[in-house]
Amino acid sequence: MGKIWELDFYSRPIFDENNKKLWEILICESPTDIDSDYDSLFRYSQFCSNNEVNSITLGSAIASAIEKAGETPSKIRFFRRQMNNMIIKACDDANISVFASRHTYALNRWLGEREVDFYPYQDGYQAPKVSASVQYPQGNAISLPDAVKGDRNDKWALVSLNSDDFQDMREWAIAFGEAFPLSLANIKENTKIPGLIIFSKRALPLGAWMSGLELGYLRLETGQFPRICLETGVSDSWILANLTDEKTVAEGEGFESAKQQANGVHFLAIQSSPESESFEGFWLLKQE
């Protein structure tokens, strides 16, 4: 599989001589394994005026980025719902698969860095006001599809690994998965990384199905029916584990607390049994 890119196209807090906001196209490479070097990931940026905001401009920028990178990405991820139609059209015209996704970890960090270290130092900069949400409304959590749903013998466990344990992740036997360097989330040594492991006889089809989704993050849903949910795409939510008593609810709360302490980093793993030495699925995730 080729490289995965993350893309944003939106106005920035920089105004031109006509007092119109400049727009910017940002494209960066998705890190997909634990040893990726965040600072060495491919990046491309391009400003344009507000009257150039269209799919043709974006398509031209994608073509320029491909020329600069020397390769075409296998797919492009984006998170900004306001630009949904334009981004999809430009990528379709370029014959590149495109997915609305909450798995834009590198892009989110790059944007945060530019908001602090770049935009304020540009001519025409004006401190931004609070903007409308760029996220899609969160959907109601639903059960997994019947094709991958397990049976009563399936089990799950909320566990944790030490951040140092991930140094050997390249050597783990993983059928389906994706990761990123812990440095992307400023994870320090000896940090507890929480996660959910699912043990199922249908582990392989479940892992294959999940590999086709844009995995975002795991979250604890409280209320009358507490549960651990998996957020995918931009608004889909799936029920992975029901918390049916005080003990499991406490474990869920501990998971959320540990996730916050780890700057949102956590993992989802799938194994055929607790005795297995391989993973049918393992994804390192991050909640922004």
C-alpha atoms as a PDB file:
ATOM      1  CA  MET A   1       0.000   0.000   0.000  1.00  0.00           C
ATOM      2  CA  GLY A   2       1.220   3.471  -0.839  1.00  0.00           C
ATOM      3  CA  LYS A   3       1.552   6.419   1.491  1.00  0.00           C
ATOM      4  CA  ILE A   4      -1.519   7.936   3.147  1.00  0.00           C
ATOM      5  CA  TRP A   5      -1.924  11.705   3.133  1.00  0.00           C
ATOM      6  CA  GLU A   6      -3.906  14.067   5.357  1.00  0.00           C
ATOM      7  CA  LEU A   7      -5.351  17.262   3.860  1.00  0.00           C
ATOM      8  CA  ASP A   8      -6.875  20.533   5.000  1.00  0.00           C
ATOM      9  CA  PHE A   9      -8.163  23.441   2.904  1.00  0.00           C
ATOM     10  CA  TYR A  10      -9.484  26.390   4.864  1.00  0.00           C
ATOM     11  CA  SER A  11      -9.149  30.082   5.636  1.00  0.00           C
ATOM     12  CA  ARG A  12      -6.382  31.224   7.965  1.00  0.00           C
ATOM     13  CA  PRO A  13      -6.170  34.252  10.309  1.00  0.00           C
ATOM     14  CA  ILE A  14      -4.131  36.181   7.734  1.00  0.00           C
ATOM     15  CA  PHE A  15      -5.650  39.013   5.649  1.00  0.00           C
ATOM     16  CA  ASP A  16      -4.512  40.283   2.248  1.00  0.00           C
ATOM     17  CA  GLU A  17      -4.330  43.888   1.016  1.00  0.00           C
ATOM     18  CA  ASN A  18      -8.088  43.804   0.322  1.00  0.00           C
ATOM     19  CA  ASN A  19      -8.784  42.726   3.900  1.00  0.00           C
ATOM     20  CA  LYS A  20      -9.844  39.285   2.707  1.00  0.00           C
ATOM     21  CA  LYS A  21      -8.730  36.142   4.483  1.00  0.00           C
ATOM     22  CA  LEU A  22      -6.057  34.053   2.835  1.00  0.00           C
ATOM     23  CA  TRP A  23      -6.855  30.376   2.382  1.00  0.00           C
ATOM     24  CA  GLU A  24      -4.327  27.611   2.742  1.00  0.00           C
ATOM     25  CA  ILE A  25      -3.948  24.048   1.508  1.00  0.00           C
ATOM     26  CA  LEU A  26      -2.012  21.790   3.837  1.00  0.00           C
ATOM     27  CA  ILE A  27      -1.046  18.236   2.909  1.00  0.00           C
ATOM     28  CA  CYS A  28       1.030  15.942   5.055  1.00  0.00           C
ATOM     29  CA  GLU A  29       1.884  12.270   5.225  1.00  0.00           C
ATOM     30  CA  SER A  30       0.161  10.039   7.775  1.00  0.00           C
ATOM     31  CA  PRO A  31       2.612   8.189  10.013  1.00  0.00           C
ATOM     32  CA  THR A  32       1.551   4.555   9.938  1.00  0.00           C
ATOM     33  CA  ASP A  33       4.057   2.784  12.187  1.00  0.00           C
ATOM     34  CA  ILE A  34       5.655   3.289  15.567  1.00  0.00           C
ATOM     35  CA  ASP A  35       9.056   4.170  14.088  1.00  0.00           C
ATOM     36  CA  SER A  36       7.855   6.934  11.764  1.00  0.00           C
ATOM     37  CA  ASP A  37       9.804  10.171  12.174  1.00  0.00           C
ATOM     38  CA  TYR A  38       7.248  12.955  12.589  1.00  0.00           C
ATOM     39  CA  ASP A  39       9.735  15.646  11.561  1.00  0.00           C
ATOM     40  CA  SER A  40      10.591  13.770   8.342  1.00  0.00           C
ATOM     41  CA  LEU A  41       7.016  13.237   7.128  1.00  0.00           C
ATOM     42  CA  PHE A  42       6.209  14.710   3.715  1.00  0.00           C
ATOM     43  CA  ARG A  43       4.553  18.143   3.896  1.00  0.00           C
ATOM     44  CA  TYR A  44       3.170  20.562   1.344  1.00  0.00           C
ATOM     45  CA  SER A  45       1.595  23.992   1.906  1.00  0.00           C
ATOM     46  CA  GLN A  46       0.115  26.555  -0.456  1.00  0.00           C
ATOM     47  CA  PHE A  47      -1.756  29.809   0.127  1.00  0.00           C
ATOM     48  CA  CYS A  48      -4.446  31.124  -2.189  1.00  0.00           C
ATOM     49  CA  SER A  49      -6.880  34.054  -2.268  1.00  0.00           C
ATOM     50  CA  ASN A  50     -10.535  33.704  -1.376  1.00  0.00           C
ATOM     51  CA  ASN A  51     -11.566  33.886  -5.038  1.00  0.00           C
ATOM     52  CA  GLU A  52      -9.426  30.829  -5.800  1.00  0.00           C
ATOM     53  CA  VAL A  53     -11.247  28.567  -3.366  1.00  0.00           C
ATOM     54  CA  ASN A  54     -12.504  25.768  -5.608  1.00  0.00           C
ATOM     55  CA  SER A  55     -11.801  22.147  -6.477  1.00  0.00           C
ATOM     56  CA  ILE A  56      -9.641  23.172  -9.453  1.00  0.00           C
ATOM     57  CA  THR A  57      -7.200  25.051  -7.199  1.00  0.00           C
ATOM     58  CA  LEU A  58      -7.148  22.150  -4.783  1.00  0.00           C
ATOM     59  CA  GLY A  59      -6.641  19.647  -7.573  1.00  0.00           C
ATOM     60  CA  SER A  60      -3.712  21.648  -8.886  1.00  0.00           C
ATOM     61  CA  ALA A  61      -2.187  21.723  -5.398  1.00  0.00           C
ATOM     62  CA  ILE A  62      -2.596  17.952  -5.051  1.00  0.00           C
ATOM     63  CA  ALA A  63      -0.847  17.511  -8.409  1.00  0.00           C
ATOM     64  CA  SER A  64       2.002  19.775  -7.247  1.00  0.00           C
ATOM     65  CA  ALA A  65       2.283  17.830  -4.003  1.00  0.00           C
ATOM     66  CA  ILE A  66       2.458  14.546  -5.928  1.00  0.00           C
ATOM     67  CA  GLU A  67       5.226  15.973  -8.104  1.00  0.00           C
ATOM     68  CA  LYS A  68       7.133  17.172  -5.036  1.00  0.00           C
ATOM     69  CA  ALA A  69       6.712  13.853  -3.208  1.00  0.00           C
ATOM     70  CA  GLY A  70       7.534  11.783  -6.265  1.00  0.00           C
ATOM     71  CA  GLU A  71       4.604   9.442  -5.632  1.00  0.00           C
ATOM     72  CA  THR A  72       0.818   9.368  -5.536  1.00  0.00           C
ATOM     73  CA  PRO A  73      -0.812   8.558  -2.179  1.00  0.00           C
ATOM     74  CA  SER A  74      -2.999   5.497  -1.851  1.00  0.00           C
ATOM     75  CA  LYS A  75      -5.630   7.596  -0.091  1.00  0.00           C
ATOM     76  CA  ILE A  76      -6.250  11.005   1.457  1.00  0.00           C
ATOM     77  CA  ARG A  77      -7.867  11.722   4.810  1.00  0.00           C
ATOM     78  CA  PHE A  78      -9.584  14.976   5.799  1.00  0.00           C
ATOM     79  CA  PHE A  79     -11.527  16.118   8.852  1.00  0.00           C
ATOM     80  CA  ARG A  80     -13.151  19.469   7.975  1.00  0.00           C
ATOM     81  CA  ARG A  81     -16.848  18.996   7.266  1.00  0.00           C
ATOM     82  CA  GLN A  82     -17.313  22.473   5.759  1.00  0.00           C
ATOM     83  CA  MET A  83     -15.054  21.498   2.852  1.00  0.00           C
ATOM     84  CA  ASN A  84     -16.444  18.000   2.328  1.00  0.00           C
ATOM     85  CA  ASN A  85     -17.779  18.371  -1.221  1.00  0.00           C
ATOM     86  CA  MET A  86     -14.833  20.348  -2.572  1.00  0.00           C
ATOM     87  CA  ILE A  87     -12.213  17.987  -1.161  1.00  0.00           C
ATOM     88  CA  ILE A  88     -14.037  14.896  -2.373  1.00  0.00           C
ATOM     89  CA  LYS A  89     -14.418  16.314  -5.895  1.00  0.00           C
ATOM     90  CA  ALA A  90     -10.755  17.304  -6.169  1.00  0.00           C
ATOM     91  CA  CYS A  91      -9.600  13.880  -4.985  1.00  0.00           C
ATOM     92  CA  ASP A  92     -12.077  12.076  -7.245  1.00  0.00           C
ATOM     93  CA  ASP A  93     -10.823  14.115 -10.205  1.00  0.00           C
ATOM     94  CA  ALA A  94      -7.270  13.056  -9.270  1.00  0.00           C
ATOM     95  CA  ASN A  95      -8.383   9.403  -9.012  1.00  0.00           C
ATOM     96  CA  ILE A  96      -7.311   9.232  -5.371  1.00  0.00           C
ATOM     97  CA  SER A  97      -9.462   7.551  -2.729  1.00  0.00           C
ATOM     98  CA  VAL A  98     -10.613  10.061  -0.127  1.00  0.00           C
ATOM     99  CA  PHE A  99     -12.063   9.526   3.344  1.00  0.00           C
ATOM    100  CA  ALA A 100     -13.547  11.864   5.918  1.00  0.00           C
ATOM    101  CA  SER A 101     -11.718  10.832   9.063  1.00  0.00           C
ATOM    102  CA  ARG A 102     -10.863  11.627  12.647  1.00  0.00           C
ATOM    103  CA  HIS A 103      -7.552   9.833  12.101  1.00  0.00           C
ATOM    104  CA  THR A 104      -5.681  13.005  11.087  1.00  0.00           C
ATOM    105  CA  TYR A 105      -3.276  13.056  13.988  1.00  0.00           C
ATOM    106  CA  ALA A 106      -0.237  14.464  12.156  1.00  0.00           C
ATOM    107  CA  LEU A 107      -2.280  17.165  10.432  1.00  0.00           C
ATOM    108  CA  ASN A 108      -3.876  18.227  13.712  1.00  0.00           C
ATOM    109  CA  ARG A 109      -0.477  18.612  15.328  1.00  0.00           C
ATOM    110  CA  TRP A 110       0.906  20.521  12.333  1.00  0.00           C
ATOM    111  CA  LEU A 111      -2.042  22.928  12.421  1.00  0.00           C
ATOM    112  CA  GLY A 112      -1.513  23.469  16.130  1.00  0.00           C
ATOM    113  CA  GLU A 113       2.158  24.238  15.543  1.00  0.00           C
ATOM    114  CA  ARG A 114       1.391  26.720  12.748  1.00  0.00           C
ATOM    115  CA  GLU A 115      -1.170  28.514  14.903  1.00  0.00           C
ATOM    116  CA  VAL A 116       1.586  29.185  17.440  1.00  0.00           C
ATOM    117  CA  ASP A 117       4.823  29.380  15.455  1.00  0.00           C
ATOM    118  CA  PHE A 118       3.869  30.512  11.940  1.00  0.00           C
ATOM    119  CA  TYR A 119       0.592  32.418  11.384  1.00  0.00           C
ATOM    120  CA  PRO A 120       1.176  35.078  14.089  1.00  0.00           C
ATOM    121  CA  TYR A 121       4.418  36.100  12.363  1.00  0.00           C
ATOM    122  CA  GLN A 122       2.883  36.652   8.907  1.00  0.00           C
ATOM    123  CA  ASP A 123       1.932  40.059   7.522  1.00  0.00           C
ATOM    124  CA  GLY A 124      -1.806  40.616   7.845  1.00  0.00           C
ATOM    125  CA  TYR A 125      -2.240  38.293  10.812  1.00  0.00           C
ATOM    126  CA  GLN A 126      -5.238  38.922  13.048  1.00  0.00           C
ATOM    127  CA  ALA A 127      -5.862  36.791  16.123  1.00  0.00           C
ATOM    128  CA  PRO A 128      -8.787  34.500  15.288  1.00  0.00           C
ATOM    129  CA  LYS A 129     -12.114  34.583  17.048  1.00  0.00           C
ATOM    130  CA  VAL A 130     -13.758  31.400  18.259  1.00  0.00           C
ATOM    131  CA  SER A 131     -14.838  29.495  15.143  1.00  0.00           C
ATOM    132  CA  ALA A 132     -17.670  27.067  14.528  1.00  0.00           C
ATOM    133  CA  SER A 133     -16.998  23.401  15.072  1.00  0.00           C
ATOM    134  CA  VAL A 134     -15.226  21.640  12.228  1.00  0.00           C
ATOM    135  CA  GLN A 135     -16.386  18.235  13.428  1.00  0.00           C
ATOM    136  CA  TYR A 136     -19.407  16.281  12.268  1.00  0.00           C
ATOM    137  CA  PRO A 137     -22.108  15.639  14.899  1.00  0.00           C
ATOM    138  CA  GLN A 138     -21.412  12.439  16.794  1.00  0.00           C
ATOM    139  CA  GLY A 139     -23.777   9.619  15.899  1.00  0.00           C
ATOM    140  CA  ASN A 140     -25.537   7.265  18.290  1.00  0.00           C
ATOM    141  CA  ALA A 141     -23.550   4.134  19.055  1.00  0.00           C
ATOM    142  CA  ILE A 142     -24.841   0.968  17.366  1.00  0.00           C
ATOM    143  CA  SER A 143     -23.999  -2.728  17.554  1.00  0.00           C
ATOM    144  CA  LEU A 144     -21.322  -4.285  15.358  1.00  0.00           C
ATOM    145  CA  PRO A 145     -22.544  -5.814  12.081  1.00  0.00           C
ATOM    146  CA  ASP A 146     -23.758  -9.400  12.329  1.00  0.00           C
ATOM    147  CA  ALA A 147     -20.970 -10.581  10.016  1.00  0.00           C
ATOM    148  CA  VAL A 148     -18.303  -9.733  12.605  1.00  0.00           C
ATOM    149  CA  LYS A 149     -20.297  -9.796  15.817  1.00  0.00           C
ATOM    150  CA  GLY A 150     -18.988 -12.388  18.231  1.00  0.00           C
ATOM    151  CA  ASP A 151     -20.861 -14.763  20.501  1.00  0.00           C
ATOM    152  CA  ARG A 152     -21.259 -15.205  24.230  1.00  0.00           C
ATOM    153  CA  ASN A 153     -17.823 -16.777  24.481  1.00  0.00           C
ATOM    154  CA  ASP A 154     -16.158 -13.544  23.381  1.00  0.00           C
ATOM    155  CA  LYS A 155     -14.380 -11.630  26.112  1.00  0.00           C
ATOM    156  CA  TRP A 156     -12.809  -8.224  26.446  1.00  0.00           C
ATOM    157  CA  ALA A 157     -10.406  -6.584  28.855  1.00  0.00           C
ATOM    158  CA  LEU A 158      -9.308  -3.048  29.611  1.00  0.00           C
ATOM    159  CA  VAL A 159      -5.542  -3.219  30.032  1.00  0.00           C
ATOM    160  CA  SER A 160      -2.477  -0.999  29.740  1.00  0.00           C
ATOM    161  CA  LEU A 161       1.010  -1.158  28.312  1.00  0.00           C
ATOM    162  CA  ASN A 162       4.043   0.885  29.204  1.00  0.00           C
ATOM    163  CA  SER A 163       5.033   3.344  26.482  1.00  0.00           C
ATOM    164  CA  ASP A 164       8.471   1.733  26.419  1.00  0.00           C
ATOM    165  CA  ASP A 165       6.863  -1.568  25.395  1.00  0.00           C
ATOM    166  CA  PHE A 166       5.975  -0.084  22.008  1.00  0.00           C
ATOM    167  CA  GLN A 167       9.628   0.186  20.996  1.00  0.00           C
ATOM    168  CA  ASP A 168       9.389  -3.437  19.838  1.00  0.00           C
ATOM    169  CA  MET A 169       6.041  -3.053  18.065  1.00  0.00           C
ATOM    170  CA  ARG A 170       7.574  -3.654  14.635  1.00  0.00           C
ATOM    171  CA  GLU A 171       8.416  -7.181  15.779  1.00  0.00           C
ATOM    172  CA  TRP A 172       4.882  -8.006  16.918  1.00  0.00           C
ATOM    173  CA  ALA A 173       2.829 -10.381  14.769  1.00  0.00           C
ATOM    174  CA  ILE A 174      -0.072  -8.153  13.636  1.00  0.00           C
ATOM    175  CA  ALA A 175      -2.434  -9.049  10.786  1.00  0.00           C
ATOM    176  CA  PHE A 176      -4.195  -5.674  10.531  1.00  0.00           C
ATOM    177  CA  GLY A 177      -3.240  -2.431  12.198  1.00  0.00           C
ATOM    178  CA  GLU A 178      -1.776   1.039  12.148  1.00  0.00           C
ATOM    179  CA  ALA A 179       0.357   3.062  14.544  1.00  0.00           C
ATOM    180  CA  PHE A 180       2.196   6.355  14.863  1.00  0.00           C
ATOM    181  CA  PRO A 181       5.292   7.510  16.758  1.00  0.00           C
ATOM    182  CA  LEU A 182       4.503   8.274  20.382  1.00  0.00           C
ATOM    183  CA  SER A 183       6.566  11.440  20.006  1.00  0.00           C
ATOM    184  CA  LEU A 184       3.720  12.825  17.873  1.00  0.00           C
ATOM    185  CA  ALA A 185       1.661  13.024  21.075  1.00  0.00           C
ATOM    186  CA  ASN A 186       4.606  14.113  23.248  1.00  0.00           C
ATOM    187  CA  ILE A 187       4.496  10.852  25.206  1.00  0.00           C
ATOM    188  CA  LYS A 188       7.300  10.583  27.728  1.00  0.00           C
ATOM    189  CA  GLU A 189       9.116   7.430  28.774  1.00  0.00           C
ATOM    190  CA  ASN A 190       7.389   5.081  31.194  1.00  0.00           C
ATOM    191  CA  THR A 191       3.888   6.428  30.454  1.00  0.00           C
ATOM    192  CA  LYS A 192       0.931   4.094  30.912  1.00  0.00           C
ATOM    193  CA  ILE A 193      -0.940   3.633  27.606  1.00  0.00           C
ATOM    194  CA  PRO A 194      -4.448   2.196  28.163  1.00  0.00           C
ATOM    195  CA  GLY A 195      -6.282  -0.013  25.724  1.00  0.00           C
ATOM    196  CA  LEU A 196      -9.088  -2.458  25.033  1.00  0.00           C
ATOM    197  CA  ILE A 197      -8.400  -6.041  23.946  1.00  0.00           C
ATOM    198  CA  ILE A 198     -11.168  -8.133  22.380  1.00  0.00           C
ATOM    199  CA  PHE A 199     -10.805 -11.923  22.455  1.00  0.00           C
ATOM    200  CA  SER A 200     -12.947 -13.642  19.830  1.00  0.00           C
ATOM    201  CA  LYS A 201     -13.018 -16.763  17.682  1.00  0.00           C
ATOM    202  CA  ARG A 202     -13.965 -14.382  14.868  1.00  0.00           C
ATOM    203  CA  ALA A 203     -10.918 -12.216  15.521  1.00  0.00           C
ATOM    204  CA  LEU A 204      -9.608 -12.318  11.941  1.00  0.00           C
ATOM    205  CA  PRO A 205     -12.831 -11.195  10.179  1.00  0.00           C
ATOM    206  CA  LEU A 206     -13.322  -8.580  12.883  1.00  0.00           C
ATOM    207  CA  GLY A 207      -9.798  -7.269  12.349  1.00  0.00           C
ATOM    208  CA  ALA A 208     -10.264  -7.253   8.572  1.00  0.00           C
ATOM    209  CA  TRP A 209     -13.542  -5.359   8.879  1.00  0.00           C
ATOM    210  CA  MET A 210     -12.047  -2.760  11.200  1.00  0.00           C
ATOM    211  CA  SER A 211      -9.073  -2.289   8.876  1.00  0.00           C
ATOM    212  CA  GLY A 212     -11.495  -0.950   6.276  1.00  0.00           C
ATOM    213  CA  LEU A 213     -12.737   1.772   8.613  1.00  0.00           C
ATOM    214  CA  GLU A 214     -11.198   5.116   9.469  1.00  0.00           C
ATOM    215  CA  LEU A 215     -10.587   4.397  13.147  1.00  0.00           C
ATOM    216  CA  GLY A 216     -10.740   7.482  15.311  1.00  0.00           C
ATOM    217  CA  TYR A 217     -10.679   6.639  18.999  1.00  0.00           C
ATOM    218  CA  LEU A 218     -12.287   4.722  21.847  1.00  0.00           C
ATOM    219  CA  ARG A 219     -14.492   6.539  24.353  1.00  0.00           C
ATOM    220  CA  LEU A 220     -16.419   5.791  27.501  1.00  0.00           C
ATOM    221  CA  GLU A 221     -20.141   6.476  27.163  1.00  0.00           C
ATOM    222  CA  THR A 222     -21.810   7.023  30.500  1.00  0.00           C
ATOM    223  CA  GLY A 223     -25.506   7.182  31.338  1.00  0.00           C
ATOM    224  CA  GLN A 224     -28.122   4.485  31.765  1.00  0.00           C
ATOM    225  CA  PHE A 225     -26.128   1.980  29.687  1.00  0.00           C
ATOM    226  CA  PRO A 226     -22.382   2.605  30.211  1.00  0.00           C
ATOM    227  CA  ARG A 227     -20.169   1.169  27.469  1.00  0.00           C
ATOM    228  CA  ILE A 228     -16.937   1.517  25.548  1.00  0.00           C
ATOM    229  CA  CYS A 229     -17.555   2.777  22.017  1.00  0.00           C
ATOM    230  CA  LEU A 230     -15.347   2.945  18.935  1.00  0.00           C
ATOM    231  CA  GLU A 231     -15.564   6.146  16.905  1.00  0.00           C
ATOM    232  CA  THR A 232     -14.908   5.714  13.175  1.00  0.00           C
ATOM    233  CA  GLY A 233     -15.159   7.870  10.078  1.00  0.00           C
ATOM    234  CA  VAL A 234     -16.403  11.302  11.056  1.00  0.00           C
ATOM    235  CA  SER A 235     -19.527  10.448  13.037  1.00  0.00           C
ATOM    236  CA  ASP A 236     -19.999   6.662  13.246  1.00  0.00           C
ATOM    237  CA  SER A 237     -19.961   5.015  16.665  1.00  0.00           C
ATOM    238  CA  TRP A 238     -19.898   1.290  17.489  1.00  0.00           C
ATOM    239  CA  ILE A 239     -20.562  -0.506  20.777  1.00  0.00           C
ATOM    240  CA  LEU A 240     -17.572  -2.692  21.662  1.00  0.00           C
ATOM    241  CA  ALA A 241     -18.097  -3.456  25.350  1.00  0.00           C
ATOM    242  CA  ASN A 242     -21.060  -3.036  27.673  1.00  0.00           C
ATOM    243  CA  LEU A 243     -20.171  -2.117  31.252  1.00  0.00           C
ATOM    244  CA  THR A 244     -22.776  -4.014  33.216  1.00  0.00           C
ATOM    245  CA  ASP A 245     -21.697  -3.616  36.865  1.00  0.00           C
ATOM    246  CA  GLU A 246     -19.841  -1.308  39.217  1.00  0.00           C
ATOM    247  CA  LYS A 247     -16.543  -3.107  38.622  1.00  0.00           C
ATOM    248  CA  THR A 248     -16.562  -2.713  34.845  1.00  0.00           C
ATOM    249  CA  VAL A 249     -17.836   0.882  35.088  1.00  0.00           C
ATOM    250  CA  ALA A 250     -14.903   1.670  37.385  1.00  0.00           C
ATOM    251  CA  GLU A 251     -12.564   0.050  34.855  1.00  0.00           C
ATOM    252  CA  GLY A 252     -14.067   2.231  32.112  1.00  0.00           C
ATOM    253  CA  GLU A 253     -13.553   5.346  34.184  1.00  0.00           C
ATOM    254  CA  GLY A 254      -9.975   4.263  34.860  1.00  0.00           C
ATOM    255  CA  PHE A 255      -9.450   3.800  31.126  1.00  0.00           C
ATOM    256  CA  GLU A 256     -10.642   7.360  30.413  1.00  0.00           C
ATOM    257  CA  SER A 257      -8.459   8.773  33.171  1.00  0.00           C
ATOM    258  CA  ALA A 258      -5.386   6.939  31.900  1.00  0.00           C
ATOM    259  CA  LYS A 259      -6.158   8.094  28.346  1.00  0.00           C
ATOM    260  CA  GLN A 260      -6.186  11.722  29.450  1.00  0.00           C
ATOM    261  CA  GLN A 261      -2.898  11.237  31.302  1.00  0.00           C
ATOM    262  CA  ALA A 262      -1.434   9.814  28.067  1.00  0.00           C
ATOM    263  CA  ASN A 263      -2.429  12.883  26.016  1.00  0.00           C
ATOM    264  CA  GLY A 264      -5.310  10.980  24.456  1.00  0.00           C
ATOM    265  CA  VAL A 265      -3.191   8.030  23.269  1.00  0.00           C
ATOM    266  CA  HIS A 266      -4.628   4.518  23.664  1.00  0.00           C
ATOM    267  CA  PHE A 267      -4.990   1.306  21.666  1.00  0.00           C
ATOM    268  CA  LEU A 268      -7.463  -1.257  20.379  1.00  0.00           C
ATOM    269  CA  ALA A 269      -6.329  -4.875  20.023  1.00  0.00           C
ATOM    270  CA  ILE A 270      -7.993  -8.059  18.760  1.00  0.00           C
ATOM    271  CA  GLN A 271      -6.823 -11.583  19.543  1.00  0.00           C
ATOM    272  CA  SER A 272      -8.283 -15.030  19.042  1.00  0.00           C
ATOM    273  CA  SER A 273      -7.666 -15.907  22.710  1.00  0.00           C
ATOM    274  CA  PRO A 274      -5.819 -14.632  25.795  1.00  0.00           C
ATOM    275  CA  GLU A 275      -3.136 -17.273  25.114  1.00  0.00           C
ATOM    276  CA  SER A 276      -2.449 -16.074  21.569  1.00  0.00           C
ATOM    277  CA  GLU A 277       0.966 -14.566  20.854  1.00  0.00           C
ATOM    278  CA  SER A 278      -0.233 -12.672  17.780  1.00  0.00           C
ATOM    279  CA  PHE A 279      -2.759  -9.947  17.070  1.00  0.00           C
ATOM    280  CA  GLU A 280      -5.450 -10.139  14.409  1.00  0.00           C
ATOM    281  CA  GLY A 281      -5.728  -6.393  14.865  1.00  0.00           C
ATOM    282  CA  PHE A 282      -3.784  -3.687  16.699  1.00  0.00           C
ATOM    283  CA  TRP A 283      -4.350   0.030  16.285  1.00  0.00           C
ATOM    284  CA  LEU A 284      -2.687   2.847  18.165  1.00  0.00           C
ATOM    285  CA  LEU A 285      -5.283   5.615  18.502  1.00  0.00           C
ATOM    286  CA  LYS A 286      -5.505   9.190  19.755  1.00  0.00           C
ATOM    287  CA  GLN A 287      -8.424  11.297  20.921  1.00  0.00           C
ATOM    288  CA  GLU A 288      -7.782  14.966  20.278  1.00  0.00           C
END
